[in-house]
Amino acid sequence: MVYTRFWSRLSCAAVRLKTFADQAVIAFEDTRLFEAAQASKRELQESLEYRTAITEVLGVISRSPSQLQPVFDMIVTSCKRLLQADRCKGRKG
């Protein structure tokens, strides 16, 4: 009878340990998937920002094809935004 209780307790502990291990594996996989989704989201956001900057520069070129200064100004503005630069040193001529 003591023998049966020992194995019964051991079986119960083994089941709990197995359940905990299974839950830990699920948690690690969830974390990995979440991080992968966040990385993908950041890449898509960056791609959208680059495409927006290119579209803005092309729009200025099409509106003023013979004037370079507005194009350069838009390039600098887009670069500052993409690089998240608060200050941009450049020559004004």
Protein backbone atom coordinates (compact mmCIF):
# COMPACT_ATOMS: atom_id res chain seq x y z
CA MET A 1 0.00 0.00 0.00
CA VAL A 2 2.84 2.45 0.78
CA TYR A 3 4.41 1.42 -2.49
CA THR A 4 1.21 2.34 -4.40
CA ARG A 5 0.93 5.76 -2.74
CA PHE A 6 4.57 6.53 -3.56
CA TRP A 7 4.11 5.74 -7.25
CA SER A 8 0.80 7.57 -7.31
CA ARG A 9 2.43 10.72 -5.91
CA LEU A 10 5.35 10.31 -8.27
CA SER A 11 2.99 9.92 -11.22
CA CYS A 12 1.10 13.03 -10.19
CA ALA A 13 4.34 15.01 -9.88
CA ALA A 14 5.54 13.68 -13.24
CA VAL A 15 2.30 14.76 -14.89
CA ARG A 16 2.60 18.22 -13.35
CA LEU A 17 6.21 18.48 -14.45
CA LYS A 18 5.33 17.35 -17.98
CA THR A 19 2.46 19.87 -18.10
CA PHE A 20 4.78 22.64 -16.94
CA ALA A 21 7.40 21.66 -19.52
CA ASP A 22 4.77 21.64 -22.28
CA GLN A 23 3.57 25.09 -21.23
CA ALA A 24 7.16 26.39 -21.17
CA VAL A 25 7.73 25.14 -24.72
CA ILE A 26 4.53 26.86 -25.86
CA ALA A 27 5.58 30.11 -24.14
CA PHE A 28 9.00 30.04 -25.82
CA GLU A 29 7.43 29.40 -29.23
CA ASP A 30 4.89 32.20 -28.69
CA THR A 31 7.73 34.56 -27.82
CA ARG A 32 9.68 33.55 -30.92
CA LEU A 33 6.63 34.04 -33.15
CA PHE A 34 5.81 37.40 -31.54
CA GLU A 35 9.37 38.66 -32.07
CA ALA A 36 9.32 37.47 -35.69
CA ALA A 37 6.02 39.27 -36.28
CA GLN A 38 7.39 42.47 -34.72
CA ALA A 39 10.51 42.31 -36.91
CA SER A 40 8.37 41.84 -40.00
CA LYS A 41 6.18 44.78 -38.98
CA ARG A 42 9.26 47.00 -38.52
CA GLU A 43 10.59 46.00 -41.95
CA LEU A 44 7.26 46.78 -43.61
CA GLN A 45 7.07 50.15 -41.85
CA GLU A 46 10.60 51.04 -42.97
CA SER A 47 9.82 50.01 -46.54
CA LEU A 48 6.68 52.18 -46.52
CA GLU A 49 8.67 55.17 -45.22
CA TYR A 50 11.26 54.78 -47.99
CA ARG A 51 8.56 54.48 -50.65
CA THR A 52 6.82 57.57 -49.30
CA ALA A 53 10.07 59.55 -49.41
CA ILE A 54 10.74 58.48 -52.98
CA THR A 55 7.19 59.40 -54.00
CA GLU A 56 7.55 62.85 -52.44
CA VAL A 57 10.86 63.51 -54.23
CA LEU A 58 9.42 62.33 -57.55
CA GLY A 59 6.38 64.57 -57.00
CA VAL A 60 8.62 67.63 -56.56
CA ILE A 61 10.62 66.67 -59.66
CA SER A 62 7.42 66.41 -61.72
CA ARG A 63 6.09 69.76 -60.43
CA SER A 64 9.30 71.67 -61.05
CA PRO A 65 11.43 69.79 -63.59
CA SER A 66 13.68 72.77 -64.33
CA GLN A 67 14.34 73.79 -60.70
CA LEU A 68 16.86 71.87 -58.65
CA GLN A 69 16.55 73.63 -55.29
CA PRO A 70 13.04 72.34 -54.44
CA VAL A 71 14.19 68.82 -55.32
CA PHE A 72 17.28 69.12 -53.10
CA ASP A 73 15.18 70.58 -50.30
CA MET A 74 12.78 67.64 -50.49
CA ILE A 75 15.69 65.17 -50.54
CA VAL A 76 17.12 66.76 -47.39
CA THR A 77 13.71 66.80 -45.71
CA SER A 78 13.11 63.15 -46.58
CA CYS A 79 16.58 62.13 -45.40
CA LYS A 80 16.12 63.97 -42.11
CA ARG A 81 12.82 62.19 -41.54
CA LEU A 82 14.17 58.75 -42.53
CA LEU A 83 17.27 59.16 -40.39
CA GLN A 84 15.26 60.80 -37.61
CA ALA A 85 17.71 63.68 -37.56
CA ASP A 86 16.72 66.79 -35.65
CA ARG A 87 19.52 68.87 -37.09
CA CYS A 88 20.95 68.75 -40.57
CA LYS A 89 24.01 70.73 -41.49
CA GLY A 90 24.26 71.72 -45.07
CA ARG A 91 25.39 74.54 -47.28
CA LYS A 92 22.94 77.15 -48.36
CA GLY A 93 24.01 78.68 -51.57
